[in-house]
Amino acid sequence: MLPDLEINDLLKLRKTHPCGEDRWKVIRLGADIKIECLGCGRLVMLSRRKLARSVKTNLS
């Protein structure tokens, strides 16, 4: 299961974004979680379950 997250936490995901960055910042919490790529600023909204499978480490 997904560890406790807070807004502005930095996450390292298993796969890199097409821009080459693998670090993301948590923007919104809820049933779905919105994250922002730190390389290009792209916003992505994922379900908690999908994000839990994608997270490698919490950098914050």
N, C-alpha and C. Protein backbone atom coordinates (compact mmCIF):
# COMPACT_ATOMS: atom_id res chain seq x y z
N MET A 1 0.84 -1.19 0.00
CA MET A 1 0.00 0.00 0.00
C MET A 1 0.88 1.24 0.00
N LEU A 2 0.31 2.34 -0.41
CA LEU A 2 1.03 3.60 -0.52
C LEU A 2 1.35 4.16 0.86
N PRO A 3 2.59 4.56 1.09
CA PRO A 3 2.93 5.17 2.38
C PRO A 3 2.21 6.50 2.55
N ASP A 4 2.23 7.02 3.76
CA ASP A 4 1.59 8.31 4.01
C ASP A 4 2.24 9.39 3.16
N LEU A 5 1.44 10.12 2.43
CA LEU A 5 1.93 11.18 1.57
C LEU A 5 1.41 12.51 2.06
N GLU A 6 2.16 13.55 1.78
CA GLU A 6 1.73 14.92 2.05
C GLU A 6 1.96 15.73 0.80
N ILE A 7 1.29 16.86 0.71
CA ILE A 7 1.48 17.74 -0.43
C ILE A 7 2.92 18.24 -0.42
N ASN A 8 3.52 18.36 -1.58
CA ASN A 8 4.90 18.79 -1.82
C ASN A 8 5.93 17.71 -1.52
N ASP A 9 5.50 16.48 -1.23
CA ASP A 9 6.46 15.37 -1.10
C ASP A 9 7.07 15.09 -2.47
N LEU A 10 8.33 14.67 -2.47
CA LEU A 10 9.00 14.28 -3.71
C LEU A 10 9.03 12.76 -3.80
N LEU A 11 8.65 12.24 -4.96
CA LEU A 11 8.60 10.80 -5.18
C LEU A 11 9.54 10.43 -6.32
N LYS A 12 10.17 9.27 -6.19
CA LYS A 12 10.95 8.72 -7.29
C LYS A 12 10.17 7.53 -7.82
N LEU A 13 9.83 7.57 -9.11
CA LEU A 13 9.04 6.50 -9.72
C LEU A 13 9.94 5.49 -10.41
N ARG A 14 9.40 4.30 -10.66
CA ARG A 14 10.18 3.22 -11.27
C ARG A 14 10.57 3.53 -12.71
N LYS A 15 9.66 4.09 -13.48
CA LYS A 15 9.94 4.42 -14.87
C LYS A 15 10.21 5.91 -15.01
N THR A 16 11.07 6.27 -15.94
CA THR A 16 11.34 7.69 -16.18
C THR A 16 10.27 8.26 -17.10
N HIS A 17 10.05 9.54 -16.96
CA HIS A 17 9.14 10.28 -17.83
C HIS A 17 9.85 10.46 -19.18
N PRO A 18 9.14 10.64 -20.27
CA PRO A 18 9.80 10.83 -21.57
C PRO A 18 10.80 11.99 -21.60
N CYS A 19 10.67 12.96 -20.69
CA CYS A 19 11.63 14.07 -20.65
C CYS A 19 12.94 13.64 -19.99
N GLY A 20 12.97 12.44 -19.38
CA GLY A 20 14.18 11.92 -18.77
C GLY A 20 14.22 12.00 -17.25
N GLU A 21 13.23 12.62 -16.65
CA GLU A 21 13.18 12.81 -15.19
C GLU A 21 12.40 11.67 -14.54
N ASP A 22 12.82 11.27 -13.34
CA ASP A 22 12.07 10.24 -12.61
C ASP A 22 11.62 10.74 -11.24
N ARG A 23 11.75 12.04 -10.99
CA ARG A 23 11.30 12.62 -9.72
C ARG A 23 10.03 13.43 -9.96
N TRP A 24 9.07 13.27 -9.05
CA TRP A 24 7.77 13.92 -9.16
C TRP A 24 7.40 14.56 -7.84
N LYS A 25 6.61 15.63 -7.88
CA LYS A 25 6.14 16.33 -6.68
C LYS A 25 4.64 16.13 -6.54
N VAL A 26 4.19 15.81 -5.33
CA VAL A 26 2.76 15.61 -5.06
C VAL A 26 2.08 16.98 -5.01
N ILE A 27 1.04 17.15 -5.82
CA ILE A 27 0.31 18.42 -5.91
C ILE A 27 -1.03 18.33 -5.19
N ARG A 28 -1.73 17.19 -5.33
CA ARG A 28 -3.08 17.04 -4.78
C ARG A 28 -3.25 15.63 -4.24
N LEU A 29 -3.92 15.54 -3.10
CA LEU A 29 -4.21 14.24 -2.49
C LEU A 29 -5.71 14.00 -2.46
N GLY A 30 -6.09 12.76 -2.46
CA GLY A 30 -7.50 12.37 -2.41
C GLY A 30 -7.60 10.94 -2.90
N ALA A 31 -8.74 10.58 -3.47
CA ALA A 31 -8.88 9.25 -4.05
C ALA A 31 -7.89 9.09 -5.20
N ASP A 32 -7.72 10.17 -5.96
CA ASP A 32 -6.70 10.24 -7.00
C ASP A 32 -5.62 11.20 -6.53
N ILE A 33 -4.41 10.99 -6.98
CA ILE A 33 -3.28 11.83 -6.58
C ILE A 33 -2.70 12.50 -7.81
N LYS A 34 -2.54 13.82 -7.74
CA LYS A 34 -1.97 14.57 -8.85
C LYS A 34 -0.49 14.81 -8.55
N ILE A 35 0.36 14.47 -9.52
CA ILE A 35 1.79 14.67 -9.37
C ILE A 35 2.32 15.51 -10.54
N GLU A 36 3.42 16.22 -10.29
CA GLU A 36 4.02 17.09 -11.30
C GLU A 36 5.45 16.64 -11.56
N CYS A 37 5.80 16.49 -12.83
CA CYS A 37 7.16 16.12 -13.21
C CYS A 37 8.09 17.29 -12.91
N LEU A 38 9.21 17.02 -12.26
CA LEU A 38 10.15 18.08 -11.92
C LEU A 38 11.03 18.47 -13.10
N GLY A 39 10.99 17.70 -14.18
CA GLY A 39 11.78 18.02 -15.36
C GLY A 39 11.08 18.99 -16.29
N CYS A 40 9.83 18.67 -16.65
CA CYS A 40 9.12 19.47 -17.65
C CYS A 40 7.86 20.14 -17.11
N GLY A 41 7.44 19.80 -15.89
CA GLY A 41 6.26 20.44 -15.31
C GLY A 41 4.94 19.80 -15.68
N ARG A 42 4.98 18.67 -16.36
CA ARG A 42 3.75 17.96 -16.78
C ARG A 42 2.98 17.48 -15.55
N LEU A 43 1.66 17.67 -15.55
CA LEU A 43 0.80 17.21 -14.46
C LEU A 43 0.12 15.90 -14.86
N VAL A 44 0.14 14.94 -13.94
CA VAL A 44 -0.48 13.63 -14.18
C VAL A 44 -1.31 13.28 -12.97
N MET A 45 -2.51 12.75 -13.21
CA MET A 45 -3.37 12.33 -12.12
C MET A 45 -3.51 10.82 -12.16
N LEU A 46 -3.15 10.16 -11.05
CA LEU A 46 -3.19 8.70 -10.97
C LEU A 46 -4.03 8.26 -9.78
N SER A 47 -4.62 7.09 -9.89
CA SER A 47 -5.32 6.53 -8.73
C SER A 47 -4.28 6.14 -7.69
N ARG A 48 -4.70 6.06 -6.44
CA ARG A 48 -3.77 5.66 -5.37
C ARG A 48 -3.15 4.30 -5.65
N ARG A 49 -3.95 3.37 -6.14
CA ARG A 49 -3.47 2.02 -6.41
C ARG A 49 -2.38 2.02 -7.49
N LYS A 50 -2.62 2.74 -8.58
CA LYS A 50 -1.65 2.78 -9.67
C LYS A 50 -0.36 3.48 -9.22
N LEU A 51 -0.50 4.56 -8.45
CA LEU A 51 0.68 5.27 -7.96
C LEU A 51 1.47 4.40 -6.98
N ALA A 52 0.77 3.64 -6.14
CA ALA A 52 1.45 2.77 -5.17
C ALA A 52 2.34 1.76 -5.89
N ARG A 53 1.91 1.27 -7.04
CA ARG A 53 2.72 0.32 -7.80
C ARG A 53 3.90 0.99 -8.49
N SER A 54 3.78 2.29 -8.78
CA SER A 54 4.80 3.01 -9.54
C SER A 54 5.90 3.62 -8.68
N VAL A 55 5.62 3.86 -7.40
CA VAL A 55 6.58 4.57 -6.54
C VAL A 55 7.73 3.65 -6.16
N LYS A 56 8.95 4.16 -6.34
CA LYS A 56 10.15 3.44 -5.91
C LYS A 56 10.53 3.88 -4.51
N THR A 57 10.67 5.19 -4.30
CA THR A 57 10.99 5.72 -2.97
C THR A 57 10.35 7.09 -2.78
N ASN A 58 10.17 7.45 -1.52
CA ASN A 58 9.70 8.79 -1.15
C ASN A 58 10.94 9.57 -0.75
N LEU A 59 11.28 10.62 -1.49
CA LEU A 59 12.51 11.38 -1.25
C LEU A 59 12.35 12.43 -0.15
N SER A 60 11.12 12.68 0.30
CA SER A 60 10.89 13.72 1.31
C SER A 60 10.89 13.12 2.70
